[in-house]
Amino acid sequence: MIKESEFKNQVSFSKKQLAFYFTTQSNIISAVEKNETSNSEAEGWLDNELNSFLIMTTILRQFALATG
């Protein structure tokens, strides 16, 4: 009998490490290989876009802590 198990594997990244990790995903690799963008452009875009995401995540986390 096969049984499913659930587990968590939490990995921490700095913003720069997360942006670099995302550049290993197939959609970014494909765009770079097709010369639609460069790897450094993709990294810069990700770095910029992650700013908004991380700011919002921080605000939501602080709100959650404040409201208990």
PDB file of N, CA and C in Angstrom:
ATOM      1  N   MET A   1       0.844  -1.166   0.000  1.00  0.00           N
ATOM      2  CA  MET A   1       0.000   0.000   0.000  1.00  0.00           C
ATOM      3  C   MET A   1       0.897   1.239   0.000  1.00  0.00           C
ATOM      4  N   ILE A   2       0.548   2.189  -0.837  1.00  0.00           N
ATOM      5  CA  ILE A   2       1.306   3.428  -0.926  1.00  0.00           C
ATOM      6  C   ILE A   2       0.641   4.477  -0.049  1.00  0.00           C
ATOM      7  N   LYS A   3       1.459   5.160   0.709  1.00  0.00           N
ATOM      8  CA  LYS A   3       0.939   6.178   1.606  1.00  0.00           C
ATOM      9  C   LYS A   3       1.592   7.517   1.276  1.00  0.00           C
ATOM     10  N   GLU A   4       0.797   8.565   1.228  1.00  0.00           N
ATOM     11  CA  GLU A   4       1.336   9.901   1.016  1.00  0.00           C
ATOM     12  C   GLU A   4       1.776  10.484   2.342  1.00  0.00           C
ATOM     13  N   SER A   5       2.872  11.200   2.289  1.00  0.00           N
ATOM     14  CA  SER A   5       3.350  11.923   3.456  1.00  0.00           C
ATOM     15  C   SER A   5       3.502  13.381   3.084  1.00  0.00           C
ATOM     16  N   GLU A   6       3.233  14.229   4.024  1.00  0.00           N
ATOM     17  CA  GLU A   6       3.418  15.655   3.800  1.00  0.00           C
ATOM     18  C   GLU A   6       4.552  16.133   4.690  1.00  0.00           C
ATOM     19  N   PHE A   7       5.421  16.932   4.122  1.00  0.00           N
ATOM     20  CA  PHE A   7       6.494  17.511   4.918  1.00  0.00           C
ATOM     21  C   PHE A   7       6.784  18.919   4.414  1.00  0.00           C
ATOM     22  N   LYS A   8       7.406  19.690   5.245  1.00  0.00           N
ATOM     23  CA  LYS A   8       7.792  21.044   4.878  1.00  0.00           C
ATOM     24  C   LYS A   8       9.303  21.105   4.815  1.00  0.00           C
ATOM     25  N   ASN A   9       9.778  21.841   3.853  1.00  0.00           N
ATOM     26  CA  ASN A   9      11.213  22.034   3.693  1.00  0.00           C
ATOM     27  C   ASN A   9      11.446  23.533   3.523  1.00  0.00           C
ATOM     28  N   GLN A  10      11.522  24.219   4.634  1.00  0.00           N
ATOM     29  CA  GLN A  10      11.655  25.665   4.603  1.00  0.00           C
ATOM     30  C   GLN A  10      13.079  26.047   4.225  1.00  0.00           C
ATOM     31  N   VAL A  11      13.183  26.918   3.241  1.00  0.00           N
ATOM     32  CA  VAL A  11      14.474  27.392   2.778  1.00  0.00           C
ATOM     33  C   VAL A  11      14.452  28.912   2.835  1.00  0.00           C
ATOM     34  N   SER A  12      15.477  29.492   3.414  1.00  0.00           N
ATOM     35  CA  SER A  12      15.551  30.947   3.508  1.00  0.00           C
ATOM     36  C   SER A  12      16.465  31.495   2.421  1.00  0.00           C
ATOM     37  N   PHE A  13      16.030  32.580   1.796  1.00  0.00           N
ATOM     38  CA  PHE A  13      16.807  33.260   0.770  1.00  0.00           C
ATOM     39  C   PHE A  13      16.867  34.746   1.093  1.00  0.00           C
ATOM     40  N   SER A  14      17.972  35.375   0.749  1.00  0.00           N
ATOM     41  CA  SER A  14      17.982  36.833   0.713  1.00  0.00           C
ATOM     42  C   SER A  14      17.242  37.228  -0.567  1.00  0.00           C
ATOM     43  N   LYS A  15      16.925  38.493  -0.720  1.00  0.00           N
ATOM     44  CA  LYS A  15      16.226  38.932  -1.938  1.00  0.00           C
ATOM     45  C   LYS A  15      17.085  38.624  -3.163  1.00  0.00           C
ATOM     46  N   LYS A  16      18.365  38.879  -3.078  1.00  0.00           N
ATOM     47  CA  LYS A  16      19.269  38.630  -4.203  1.00  0.00           C
ATOM     48  C   LYS A  16      19.349  37.131  -4.513  1.00  0.00           C
ATOM     49  N   GLN A  17      19.403  36.300  -3.503  1.00  0.00           N
ATOM     50  CA  GLN A  17      19.435  34.851  -3.704  1.00  0.00           C
ATOM     51  C   GLN A  17      18.137  34.355  -4.329  1.00  0.00           C
ATOM     52  N   LEU A  18      17.011  34.927  -3.896  1.00  0.00           N
ATOM     53  CA  LEU A  18      15.727  34.524  -4.460  1.00  0.00           C
ATOM     54  C   LEU A  18      15.637  34.916  -5.927  1.00  0.00           C
ATOM     55  N   ALA A  19      16.070  36.123  -6.264  1.00  0.00           N
ATOM     56  CA  ALA A  19      16.078  36.558  -7.661  1.00  0.00           C
ATOM     57  C   ALA A  19      16.962  35.623  -8.493  1.00  0.00           C
ATOM     58  N   PHE A  20      18.132  35.270  -7.978  1.00  0.00           N
ATOM     59  CA  PHE A  20      19.022  34.357  -8.693  1.00  0.00           C
ATOM     60  C   PHE A  20      18.364  32.988  -8.867  1.00  0.00           C
ATOM     61  N   TYR A  21      17.714  32.480  -7.825  1.00  0.00           N
ATOM     62  CA  TYR A  21      17.015  31.197  -7.922  1.00  0.00           C
ATOM     63  C   TYR A  21      15.950  31.230  -9.021  1.00  0.00           C
ATOM     64  N   PHE A  22      15.184  32.317  -9.070  1.00  0.00           N
ATOM     65  CA  PHE A  22      14.143  32.428 -10.094  1.00  0.00           C
ATOM     66  C   PHE A  22      14.726  32.415 -11.510  1.00  0.00           C
ATOM     67  N   THR A  23      15.963  32.859 -11.669  1.00  0.00           N
ATOM     68  CA  THR A  23      16.560  32.834 -13.013  1.00  0.00           C
ATOM     69  C   THR A  23      16.854  31.417 -13.476  1.00  0.00           C
ATOM     70  N   THR A  24      16.744  30.443 -12.586  1.00  0.00           N
ATOM     71  CA  THR A  24      16.959  29.046 -12.974  1.00  0.00           C
ATOM     72  C   THR A  24      15.665  28.397 -13.475  1.00  0.00           C
ATOM     73  N   GLN A  25      14.560  29.130 -13.444  1.00  0.00           N
ATOM     74  CA  GLN A  25      13.282  28.583 -13.879  1.00  0.00           C
ATOM     75  C   GLN A  25      13.191  28.596 -15.403  1.00  0.00           C
ATOM     76  N   SER A  26      12.460  27.650 -15.951  1.00  0.00           N
ATOM     77  CA  SER A  26      12.458  27.423 -17.397  1.00  0.00           C
ATOM     78  C   SER A  26      11.972  28.611 -18.218  1.00  0.00           C
ATOM     79  N   ASN A  27      11.009  29.389 -17.703  1.00  0.00           N
ATOM     80  CA  ASN A  27      10.512  30.511 -18.503  1.00  0.00           C
ATOM     81  C   ASN A  27      11.578  31.588 -18.673  1.00  0.00           C
ATOM     82  N   ILE A  28      12.397  31.792 -17.678  1.00  0.00           N
ATOM     83  CA  ILE A  28      13.476  32.786 -17.794  1.00  0.00           C
ATOM     84  C   ILE A  28      14.596  32.231 -18.652  1.00  0.00           C
ATOM     85  N   ILE A  29      14.944  30.978 -18.457  1.00  0.00           N
ATOM     86  CA  ILE A  29      15.984  30.354 -19.280  1.00  0.00           C
ATOM     87  C   ILE A  29      15.586  30.420 -20.749  1.00  0.00           C
ATOM     88  N   SER A  30      14.327  30.122 -21.043  1.00  0.00           N
ATOM     89  CA  SER A  30      13.845  30.155 -22.417  1.00  0.00           C
ATOM     90  C   SER A  30      13.952  31.555 -23.015  1.00  0.00           C
ATOM     91  N   ALA A  31      13.544  32.578 -22.266  1.00  0.00           N
ATOM     92  CA  ALA A  31      13.613  33.961 -22.764  1.00  0.00           C
ATOM     93  C   ALA A  31      15.050  34.376 -23.029  1.00  0.00           C
ATOM     94  N   VAL A  32      15.967  33.956 -22.173  1.00  0.00           N
ATOM     95  CA  VAL A  32      17.385  34.284 -22.368  1.00  0.00           C
ATOM     96  C   VAL A  32      17.928  33.556 -23.591  1.00  0.00           C
ATOM     97  N   GLU A  33      17.593  32.272 -23.724  1.00  0.00           N
ATOM     98  CA  GLU A  33      18.071  31.500 -24.877  1.00  0.00           C
ATOM     99  C   GLU A  33      17.532  32.027 -26.199  1.00  0.00           C
ATOM    100  N   LYS A  34      16.332  32.623 -26.187  1.00  0.00           N
ATOM    101  CA  LYS A  34      15.740  33.192 -27.403  1.00  0.00           C
ATOM    102  C   LYS A  34      16.200  34.638 -27.625  1.00  0.00           C
ATOM    103  N   ASN A  35      17.122  35.104 -26.790  1.00  0.00           N
ATOM    104  CA  ASN A  35      17.623  36.482 -26.840  1.00  0.00           C
ATOM    105  C   ASN A  35      16.522  37.516 -26.674  1.00  0.00           C
ATOM    106  N   GLU A  36      15.471  37.166 -25.959  1.00  0.00           N
ATOM    107  CA  GLU A  36      14.405  38.116 -25.657  1.00  0.00           C
ATOM    108  C   GLU A  36      14.810  39.036 -24.516  1.00  0.00           C
ATOM    109  N   THR A  37      15.725  38.570 -23.699  1.00  0.00           N
ATOM    110  CA  THR A  37      16.269  39.340 -22.583  1.00  0.00           C
ATOM    111  C   THR A  37      17.620  38.744 -22.230  1.00  0.00           C
ATOM    112  N   SER A  38      18.383  39.466 -21.450  1.00  0.00           N
ATOM    113  CA  SER A  38      19.647  38.909 -20.959  1.00  0.00           C
ATOM    114  C   SER A  38      19.437  38.420 -19.534  1.00  0.00           C
ATOM    115  N   ASN A  39      20.340  37.595 -19.068  1.00  0.00           N
ATOM    116  CA  ASN A  39      20.245  37.095 -17.713  1.00  0.00           C
ATOM    117  C   ASN A  39      20.333  38.247 -16.717  1.00  0.00           C
ATOM    118  N   SER A  40      21.220  39.209 -16.978  1.00  0.00           N
ATOM    119  CA  SER A  40      21.353  40.336 -16.053  1.00  0.00           C
ATOM    120  C   SER A  40      20.102  41.217 -16.066  1.00  0.00           C
ATOM    121  N   GLU A  41      19.452  41.373 -17.224  1.00  0.00           N
ATOM    122  CA  GLU A  41      18.194  42.124 -17.279  1.00  0.00           C
ATOM    123  C   GLU A  41      17.110  41.407 -16.480  1.00  0.00           C
ATOM    124  N   ALA A  42      17.048  40.092 -16.620  1.00  0.00           N
ATOM    125  CA  ALA A  42      16.062  39.313 -15.872  1.00  0.00           C
ATOM    126  C   ALA A  42      16.319  39.425 -14.376  1.00  0.00           C
ATOM    127  N   GLU A  43      17.574  39.340 -13.973  1.00  0.00           N
ATOM    128  CA  GLU A  43      17.911  39.476 -12.557  1.00  0.00           C
ATOM    129  C   GLU A  43      17.526  40.857 -12.035  1.00  0.00           C
ATOM    130  N   GLY A  44      17.787  41.904 -12.824  1.00  0.00           N
ATOM    131  CA  GLY A  44      17.428  43.262 -12.420  1.00  0.00           C
ATOM    132  C   GLY A  44      15.926  43.439 -12.291  1.00  0.00           C
ATOM    133  N   TRP A  45      15.183  42.892 -13.247  1.00  0.00           N
ATOM    134  CA  TRP A  45      13.724  42.976 -13.206  1.00  0.00           C
ATOM    135  C   TRP A  45      13.193  42.258 -11.966  1.00  0.00           C
ATOM    136  N   LEU A  46      13.703  41.050 -11.729  1.00  0.00           N
ATOM    137  CA  LEU A  46      13.263  40.288 -10.559  1.00  0.00           C
ATOM    138  C   LEU A  46      13.595  41.028  -9.271  1.00  0.00           C
ATOM    139  N   ASP A  47      14.783  41.581  -9.178  1.00  0.00           N
ATOM    140  CA  ASP A  47      15.196  42.317  -7.989  1.00  0.00           C
ATOM    141  C   ASP A  47      14.234  43.476  -7.728  1.00  0.00           C
ATOM    142  N   ASN A  48      13.878  44.201  -8.783  1.00  0.00           N
ATOM    143  CA  ASN A  48      12.956  45.324  -8.649  1.00  0.00           C
ATOM    144  C   ASN A  48      11.553  44.863  -8.258  1.00  0.00           C
ATOM    145  N   GLU A  49      11.054  43.825  -8.911  1.00  0.00           N
ATOM    146  CA  GLU A  49       9.704  43.330  -8.626  1.00  0.00           C
ATOM    147  C   GLU A  49       9.594  42.726  -7.232  1.00  0.00           C
ATOM    148  N   LEU A  50      10.671  42.121  -6.763  1.00  0.00           N
ATOM    149  CA  LEU A  50      10.640  41.526  -5.430  1.00  0.00           C
ATOM    150  C   LEU A  50      10.560  42.589  -4.342  1.00  0.00           C
ATOM    151  N   ASN A  51      11.021  43.805  -4.622  1.00  0.00           N
ATOM    152  CA  ASN A  51      10.904  44.880  -3.634  1.00  0.00           C
ATOM    153  C   ASN A  51       9.462  45.052  -3.193  1.00  0.00           C
ATOM    154  N   SER A  52       8.549  45.199  -4.150  1.00  0.00           N
ATOM    155  CA  SER A  52       7.132  45.396  -3.823  1.00  0.00           C
ATOM    156  C   SER A  52       6.566  44.208  -3.064  1.00  0.00           C
ATOM    157  N   PHE A  53       6.910  43.020  -3.510  1.00  0.00           N
ATOM    158  CA  PHE A  53       6.413  41.809  -2.860  1.00  0.00           C
ATOM    159  C   PHE A  53       6.895  41.725  -1.413  1.00  0.00           C
ATOM    160  N   LEU A  54       8.183  41.978  -1.194  1.00  0.00           N
ATOM    161  CA  LEU A  54       8.740  41.850   0.149  1.00  0.00           C
ATOM    162  C   LEU A  54       8.243  42.957   1.075  1.00  0.00           C
ATOM    163  N   ILE A  55       8.033  44.152   0.551  1.00  0.00           N
ATOM    164  CA  ILE A  55       7.474  45.229   1.366  1.00  0.00           C
ATOM    165  C   ILE A  55       6.069  44.855   1.816  1.00  0.00           C
ATOM    166  N   MET A  56       5.242  44.359   0.892  1.00  0.00           N
ATOM    167  CA  MET A  56       3.871  43.978   1.235  1.00  0.00           C
ATOM    168  C   MET A  56       3.872  42.815   2.230  1.00  0.00           C
ATOM    169  N   THR A  57       4.753  41.854   2.039  1.00  0.00           N
ATOM    170  CA  THR A  57       4.839  40.721   2.963  1.00  0.00           C
ATOM    171  C   THR A  57       5.198  41.196   4.361  1.00  0.00           C
ATOM    172  N   THR A  58       6.123  42.135   4.458  1.00  0.00           N
ATOM    173  CA  THR A  58       6.526  42.677   5.754  1.00  0.00           C
ATOM    174  C   THR A  58       5.370  43.414   6.415  1.00  0.00           C
ATOM    175  N   ILE A  59       4.646  44.218   5.650  1.00  0.00           N
ATOM    176  CA  ILE A  59       3.504  44.956   6.191  1.00  0.00           C
ATOM    177  C   ILE A  59       2.440  43.985   6.702  1.00  0.00           C
ATOM    178  N   LEU A  60       2.131  42.965   5.921  1.00  0.00           N
ATOM    179  CA  LEU A  60       1.120  41.989   6.334  1.00  0.00           C
ATOM    180  C   LEU A  60       1.559  41.224   7.577  1.00  0.00           C
ATOM    181  N   ARG A  61       2.832  40.884   7.658  1.00  0.00           N
ATOM    182  CA  ARG A  61       3.337  40.159   8.817  1.00  0.00           C
ATOM    183  C   ARG A  61       3.239  41.039  10.062  1.00  0.00           C
ATOM    184  N   GLN A  62       3.610  42.321   9.938  1.00  0.00           N
ATOM    185  CA  GLN A  62       3.521  43.234  11.080  1.00  0.00           C
ATOM    186  C   GLN A  62       2.075  43.427  11.507  1.00  0.00           C
ATOM    187  N   PHE A  63       1.151  43.529  10.545  1.00  0.00           N
ATOM    188  CA  PHE A  63      -0.261  43.667  10.867  1.00  0.00           C
ATOM    189  C   PHE A  63      -0.756  42.428  11.608  1.00  0.00           C
ATOM    190  N   ALA A  64      -0.376  41.269  11.128  1.00  0.00           N
ATOM    191  CA  ALA A  64      -0.805  40.022  11.775  1.00  0.00           C
ATOM    192  C   ALA A  64      -0.289  39.936  13.204  1.00  0.00           C
ATOM    193  N   LEU A  65       0.939  40.348  13.414  1.00  0.00           N
ATOM    194  CA  LEU A  65       1.500  40.322  14.770  1.00  0.00           C
ATOM    195  C   LEU A  65       0.793  41.344  15.670  1.00  0.00           C
ATOM    196  N   ALA A  66       0.462  42.495  15.118  1.00  0.00           N
ATOM    197  CA  ALA A  66      -0.170  43.554  15.905  1.00  0.00           C
ATOM    198  C   ALA A  66      -1.608  43.211  16.284  1.00  0.00           C
ATOM    199  N   THR A  67      -2.277  42.448  15.440  1.00  0.00           N
ATOM    200  CA  THR A  67      -3.684  42.137  15.706  1.00  0.00           C
ATOM    201  C   THR A  67      -3.870  40.786  16.388  1.00  0.00           C
ATOM    202  N   GLY A  68      -2.750  40.099  16.600  1.00  0.00           N
ATOM    203  CA  GLY A  68      -2.767  38.885  17.375  1.00  0.00           C
ATOM    204  C   GLY A  68      -3.348  37.728  16.725  1.00  0.00           C
TER     205      GLY A  68
END
